Amino acid sequence: MNMRSALKIGTSLAMLAALATPHLANAQTAEPANENTGGIMDEIVVTAQRRQQNLQDVGISVAAFSGEQLKAAGVVNSIDVARLTPGVAVSGSIGGQNSQFTIRGVTQNDFNDGIEAPVAVYVDETYIPNLQGQNFGAFDIERVEILKGPQGTLFGRNATGGLVHFVVRKPTEQVEGFIEGTYGRFNQTRLEAAIGGPLGGGLSARASIYYNGHDPIMKNIYPAGVVAGAPLGLGAPISPCCEDVWNDDTLSARLQLQYAPEGSPLTVRLTGSYSRQNLSEAPFTSRATVPVIDAQGRVVDAIYASATETRTAIGPNGENVPGAFGGPITRAPGADFFGFVAPDAKDLVVSKDFAFEDLNHTRSYNTALHINYDFGNFELTSITDFKRLKKDFAIDVDASPINLVSFGSRNNTRSISQELRLNGRTDTLNWTVGGYYLDIDSDTANGFMALPRSFFSGLFGAVTNGIDLANEFQLRTKSISAFGQMEYKVSEQFTVVVGARIISEKQSYDFQSNAYANANDQRLDTAGTPFFPLQPSFSNDRTSTLFAGKVQLEYRPNDDLLVYVGVNRGVKGGSYNALLPDGSPPLAPGDIPYKPEKLMSYEGGFKATIASNVLFNAAAYYYDYKDYQAFTFSNVSGFVQNRDARTYGFEADLSAELFEGFQAAIGVSAFDAKIKNLQIAPGVFRDVKPTFAPETQLSGRLTYRIPTAIAGGHLRLAADGSYQSSIFHNVRNFQADKLPGYWVFNGNVSWQQEDGGLSLAAGVQNIFDKRYANIGFNLATLCGCNEESYGRPRWWSVTAGYKF
């Protein structure tokens, strides 16, 4: 898509809106729904602008889904919502076990646990401060709001790309609850339950619990794929060895206590939640690749190895470069450097030595206090939040039967935040002012585990006992901001929106890189006295002043059409690189801190309600980045470069109730993104596309709720499909970094007893069993291979529940 195409699309959308206007003048607004039934046209009230509004009245490109709609679509995990709306995708790291949101191509796939994301994720109005904390079980959810584009004035924290907000169900004045049990493929067992109601004296409560578990999806057929005579290591294999991978064992719980005396303007709500996740070693496999080098020996491309490929590396004229990067003189046909040809992951098999069913663990804790006081003309909100995330992961770097090297990561992040907010409203003015404080303290260790008898341990003369090569760093971030936004109704048709946030941010960083004795083959060890340093230590303190702002004009010719155009300035705070000790030259001290990312966003769009049964929304945008934070992965590590970038694109969605009970929705997004003058190798600069940024996405959903009661209840049929075009998983955009696009279709049938009661459902996710790679890491110079993980295969499930 070029600029001319974008202008044609924008003109076409404007014409469609203009053509719709005469009909809209006589249209009636849809009647508010008494309950959300899971239908596409259910009216959803959102808080995208920190107050309750109908979705169609918000001058932001925002998608929202009720809890019932999420269930109808088979959403069980936070990142599952990405497939429901174009323009939203998923990036990932740690072999596919950590995933993050991407909105309009804005992402960050650094696997450093101390890093924050450019797409902010909130749960119950509280910010998740970890890039690696965005993947969690979505349970007892009232709705999800996905805000596209910068949201810095009202939400503030690192939301240059947008924001995903999970709004939980709150305590009620009547006793209510539900319980649901699911059984699915791979012995999936899922339980979700909640109960809430009054306790007396203005006090109410709600308790929720969630469990999801299933057996490993991928069978380990170690040592399949190793060519005859190829060494597996420097002695006996890893013990224990070679268990199956890709399971789940997640348990979460939430308790809420709310004090809201009848007739009182005061509401106080205390929440506490806990979640733990136990996982296998990461479900990724290997594909043989060949690095391409220029006349100076710089890696300028990589390709997948064909079945007959024998070159170690490809020289400037296509010749073999024997022994390049410590590899063999020549390789076995189609194999990596060590003589391994991976089995096809599409068959749901892997072949690797470092693989255990119970290896990787996360624990999270959260306590928050919400206070609201309604003064009549304005409302005061206070949110105090404490979060803690503990993580301990390890993965097989080479994803093969070869005892080469493993990677370990540990993190302990604690955050405290406080928000004070005032909202007010008159006939012509809506306004919000407030302040926000955030304190994040992150302790992280990650690095390489050169296990006993591994090839890496042999490099350090530690074949018998092994050795761990670890980075340790502490990052402390203190951020305080003041913000405000007003919407002034200039006339019956025109509204002006102005907002701003000023941020003062202080960071303290301490980095060390050392070799330690290996004490536990399944964990990265950093205890005891270091053997020797691997990279120079680094410490830094800095203070930054950041600014986000918004100016927007909204036009309402009638109640059924909203047209808006505006300029947003978003900002994401800077951070620090922690290059792994992979043998590459250490970063210069000046390259370790990287700058804040600044974005100017220009956007226009409209929201139209046509004849009360059709919703048509569209937007076009242009992003101009300064100091875009581009994570560049090479060899076995990565670092962030600040570069300028730009993106332009559009998105549109159409929802309609075609006849009683039958609803349909389609959506499309397309954009063109460019990061300018990125260094892809020493002294080699190119314009590249960002990672995990599908330029074209399509989605469609159908629901049919049969109007006639069946066995005392209502039957609902639902189906959805989504497409995303190809992506690069590495910002260098090498040929072997490109993952092809794919379609995925899902279906669900459910029956709900009238007025609650019993419910039954059956569904299939990924109906046509599409096997697609979704995350990758380029290791062409380490093992002549890439790591790649895959999306879930076809998955059937049946559910029974009871609602009261």
Foldseek 3Di string as FASTA:
>chain_A
DDPVVLVVVVVVQVVVQVVQVVQQFPFDAFDADPDDQLFPPHWDWDCLVPDTDTPQVDPFPKDKGFPSVCVQVVDFKQQVCQQVFPQKFWFEDQQPPFIAIAGQQQWDHAPFFQDAILEWEEEQLHTDRTRRPRIDTQAQFGMKMWTAAAPCFRSNANPRGTYIYTYHDFADAAWWKKWKWKAWPQRKTKIKIKIKHDPDPQKIKMKIKIWIKGHAQAAAPPAPFFDPPFDQFQDDFDPPWTGGFDIKTKIKMKMKMWGDGPPAQKIKMKMKMKMKIWGKARFWAWFFKAFEAEPVRWGQFMGTADQAAWALHQYPVRDHDACFLNAHRTEHGRFWSRRGHFDDCLVRYFYATPIGGGFKMKMKIKIKMWMWGCPPQKIKIKIKMKMKMWIWHKHDQNRHSHLAKIKIKIKIKIKIKMKIKMWGDDPFKTKMKIKMKMKMKMKMKMAIWNAARHPVQVVVVNNHFTKTKMKIKIKIKIKMKIKMKMWGHPDPWKIKIKMKMKMKMKMKMKMFIFMDTDDDNSGHDDDDDGPGGLADIDIDIDMDMDMKIKIKMWGDPDPFKIKMWIKIKHKHAKDFDDWYSLVDHDDDRVQGTAGMKIKIKTKIWMWGQRNNFKIKIKMKMKIWIFQRFAWAADQHTTHTGGFIKMKIWMKMKMKGDPDPQKIKMKMKIAMDMWTAQDPNTVVDTDIFRGFRNFRIKMKMKIKGWDPDADPQWIKMKMKMKMKGAKGFQGRSPHNNRIWGIDMWMKIKMKIAHPPWFKMKMKMKTRVVFDWGWRHKHDNCSPTSIMITRTDDGIMIMIMMMGID
